[in-house]
Amino acid sequence: SGGASTLKGKTNALAQLTQRAQGEFLFFTDADIEVPEKWIENMLSHFKPDVGIVTGITAIKGGGFLGLMQAIEWLYYLSLMRLFSLFGVPITAMGNNMAVSRKAFQAVGGYEKVGFSITEDYALFHAIVIKGFKFVQLFDRRVLTLSQPIPTFSQLLIQRKRWMYGAMTLPW
């Protein structure tokens, strides 16, 4: 599906940035994420010739009771993702803590071929795995990134609705 002209929002921005990037690996995070020192080196150390995508773990930092509930929820889901990955079952990647080999990115045609998705990290992960590349999901404090919690319950519901909608629009 679609080229650069059909991409919107964050997916369009990422497509433009990846076209300008020159490295052998592409690193993705969000503006509100704190990455640890040597994050890039520690993510890179997990790439082997057949690995196309590496994703780290993200924790919620602060935010009172609502932040604590989000932190518990994220830890639960990230633990499940890690458990499934140990058995070779691909679930998703965290777009706020993710690295992709240029080889895998080009093999799937970049975001231009993956197409627009409101969950662009999941769409890219899915395309790379379908193309036959391996994935690594880390549960390692050296690649632990920190995120601010969603500040209100209504914004949290909007985010979760977007995630569910994005997951439901992708092929099995």
Protein backbone atom coordinates (compact mmCIF):
# COMPACT_ATOMS: atom_id res chain seq x y z
CA SER A 1 0.00 0.00 0.00
CA GLY A 2 0.77 3.70 -0.42
CA GLY A 3 3.76 5.88 -0.99
CA ALA A 4 5.02 8.90 0.92
CA SER A 5 2.05 10.99 -0.29
CA THR A 6 -0.43 8.69 1.49
CA LEU A 7 1.38 8.73 4.82
CA LYS A 8 0.09 10.95 7.61
CA GLY A 9 1.19 12.24 10.97
CA LYS A 10 3.98 10.45 12.80
CA THR A 11 4.33 7.78 10.10
CA ASN A 12 4.97 10.50 7.49
CA ALA A 13 7.56 12.19 9.72
CA LEU A 14 9.33 8.88 10.35
CA ALA A 15 9.33 8.05 6.62
CA GLN A 16 10.96 11.39 5.84
CA LEU A 17 13.56 10.99 8.58
CA THR A 18 14.47 7.45 7.57
CA GLN A 19 14.99 8.61 3.97
CA ARG A 20 17.56 11.12 5.23
CA ALA A 21 19.27 8.79 7.71
CA GLN A 22 22.52 7.29 6.49
CA GLY A 23 23.40 4.62 9.03
CA GLU A 24 23.23 0.84 8.84
CA PHE A 25 20.76 0.88 11.77
CA LEU A 26 17.77 3.09 12.53
CA PHE A 27 16.90 3.96 16.14
CA PHE A 28 13.42 5.04 17.16
CA THR A 29 12.17 6.71 20.32
CA ASP A 30 9.62 9.35 21.28
CA ALA A 31 10.12 12.97 22.31
CA ASP A 32 8.99 12.29 25.89
CA ILE A 33 11.35 9.34 26.40
CA GLU A 34 14.54 9.39 28.48
CA VAL A 35 17.12 6.97 27.08
CA PRO A 36 19.95 5.60 29.24
CA GLU A 37 23.60 6.30 28.63
CA LYS A 38 25.00 3.91 25.99
CA TRP A 39 21.48 3.03 24.82
CA ILE A 40 22.60 2.82 21.19
CA GLU A 41 25.62 0.61 21.94
CA ASN A 42 23.54 -1.75 24.07
CA MET A 43 20.80 -2.05 21.44
CA LEU A 44 23.40 -2.62 18.70
CA SER A 45 25.03 -5.48 20.60
CA HIS A 46 21.94 -7.64 19.98
CA PHE A 47 21.99 -7.42 16.19
CA LYS A 48 23.14 -10.51 14.34
CA PRO A 49 22.99 -10.95 10.53
CA ASP A 50 19.47 -12.44 10.65
CA VAL A 51 18.04 -10.00 13.23
CA GLY A 52 15.98 -7.21 11.72
CA ILE A 53 14.51 -5.54 14.78
CA VAL A 54 15.45 -5.08 18.44
CA THR A 55 13.15 -3.55 21.02
CA GLY A 56 13.86 -2.59 24.60
CA ILE A 57 11.71 -2.10 27.66
CA THR A 58 10.05 1.14 28.75
CA ALA A 59 8.94 2.02 32.26
CA ILE A 60 6.60 4.74 33.47
CA LYS A 61 8.23 7.40 35.63
CA GLY A 62 6.19 9.13 38.35
CA GLY A 63 2.64 10.37 38.02
CA GLY A 64 0.92 9.49 41.30
CA PHE A 65 -1.73 6.78 41.45
CA LEU A 66 -2.59 6.89 37.72
CA GLY A 67 1.11 6.70 36.86
CA LEU A 68 1.57 3.74 39.20
CA MET A 69 -1.35 1.91 37.56
CA GLN A 70 0.17 2.55 34.09
CA ALA A 71 3.58 1.38 35.32
CA ILE A 72 2.10 -1.90 36.57
CA GLU A 73 0.14 -2.37 33.35
CA TRP A 74 3.23 -1.74 31.15
CA LEU A 75 5.39 -4.08 33.24
CA TYR A 76 2.76 -6.81 32.93
CA TYR A 77 2.40 -6.51 29.14
CA LEU A 78 6.14 -6.11 28.53
CA SER A 79 6.78 -9.20 30.65
CA LEU A 80 4.28 -11.15 28.52
CA MET A 81 5.92 -9.87 25.32
CA ARG A 82 9.31 -10.98 26.64
CA LEU A 83 7.99 -14.41 27.64
CA PHE A 84 6.45 -14.99 24.20
CA SER A 85 9.67 -13.79 22.52
CA LEU A 86 11.67 -16.44 24.40
CA PHE A 87 9.53 -19.02 22.56
CA GLY A 88 9.99 -17.20 19.24
CA VAL A 89 6.43 -15.84 19.15
CA PRO A 90 6.37 -12.29 17.77
CA ILE A 91 3.93 -9.90 19.47
CA THR A 92 5.04 -6.32 18.76
CA ALA A 93 7.82 -3.77 19.17
CA MET A 94 7.84 -0.64 21.26
CA GLY A 95 8.23 2.31 18.90
CA ASN A 96 9.58 4.41 21.75
CA ASN A 97 12.52 2.01 22.26
CA MET A 98 13.29 0.27 18.99
CA ALA A 99 16.14 -0.29 16.53
CA VAL A 100 15.84 -1.67 13.00
CA SER A 101 18.55 -2.79 10.62
CA ARG A 102 18.66 -0.82 7.38
CA LYS A 103 18.65 -4.19 5.55
CA ALA A 104 15.31 -5.21 7.14
CA PHE A 105 13.83 -1.74 6.73
CA GLN A 106 14.65 -1.69 3.03
CA ALA A 107 13.49 -5.30 2.57
CA VAL A 108 9.96 -4.29 3.61
CA GLY A 109 10.10 -1.08 1.54
CA GLY A 110 10.22 1.27 4.53
CA TYR A 111 7.16 3.09 5.79
CA GLU A 112 6.19 3.91 2.21
CA LYS A 113 5.39 0.24 1.51
CA VAL A 114 4.24 -0.64 5.03
CA GLY A 115 1.74 2.22 4.69
CA PHE A 116 0.03 4.48 7.16
CA SER A 117 -0.93 3.03 10.52
CA ILE A 118 -1.81 4.71 13.79
CA THR A 119 0.35 2.00 15.36
CA GLU A 120 3.31 2.36 12.99
CA ASP A 121 5.70 0.49 15.30
CA TYR A 122 3.47 -2.61 15.26
CA ALA A 123 3.01 -2.38 11.47
CA LEU A 124 6.77 -2.14 10.87
CA PHE A 125 7.52 -4.97 13.32
CA HIS A 126 4.92 -7.19 11.68
CA ALA A 127 6.25 -6.49 8.16
CA ILE A 128 9.85 -7.23 9.19
CA VAL A 129 8.95 -10.52 10.90
CA ILE A 130 6.76 -11.61 7.96
CA LYS A 131 9.74 -10.93 5.66
CA GLY A 132 11.70 -13.58 7.59
CA PHE A 133 13.90 -11.49 9.87
CA LYS A 134 14.36 -12.45 13.50
CA PHE A 135 13.52 -10.12 16.38
CA VAL A 136 14.97 -9.57 19.82
CA GLN A 137 12.89 -8.28 22.73
CA LEU A 138 15.11 -7.18 25.57
CA PHE A 139 14.32 -7.12 29.26
CA ASP A 140 17.54 -5.37 30.21
CA ARG A 141 18.07 -2.28 32.36
CA ARG A 142 20.85 -1.10 30.01
CA VAL A 143 18.16 -0.37 27.40
CA LEU A 144 15.42 0.65 29.85
CA THR A 145 13.83 3.91 28.73
CA LEU A 146 11.59 6.06 30.89
CA SER A 147 8.30 7.64 29.87
CA GLN A 148 6.03 10.14 31.53
CA PRO A 149 2.60 8.69 32.32
CA ILE A 150 -0.53 9.76 30.47
CA PRO A 151 -1.80 12.52 32.81
CA THR A 152 -5.57 11.90 32.79
CA PHE A 153 -7.80 8.87 32.69
CA SER A 154 -9.67 10.15 29.61
CA GLN A 155 -6.36 10.62 27.70
CA LEU A 156 -5.33 7.12 28.78
CA LEU A 157 -8.55 5.69 27.33
CA ILE A 158 -7.97 7.57 24.06
CA GLN A 159 -4.45 6.10 23.82
CA ARG A 160 -5.67 2.57 24.51
CA LYS A 161 -8.47 2.94 21.95
CA ARG A 162 -5.89 4.05 19.35
CA TRP A 163 -3.68 1.06 20.17
CA MET A 164 -6.60 -1.37 19.90
CA TYR A 165 -7.83 0.19 16.66
CA GLY A 166 -4.32 0.01 15.17
CA ALA A 167 -3.91 -3.62 16.16
CA MET A 168 -7.32 -4.55 14.73
CA THR A 169 -6.60 -2.92 11.35
CA LEU A 170 -3.47 -4.95 10.72
CA PRO A 171 -3.53 -8.37 9.04
CA TRP A 172 -3.15 -11.45 11.24
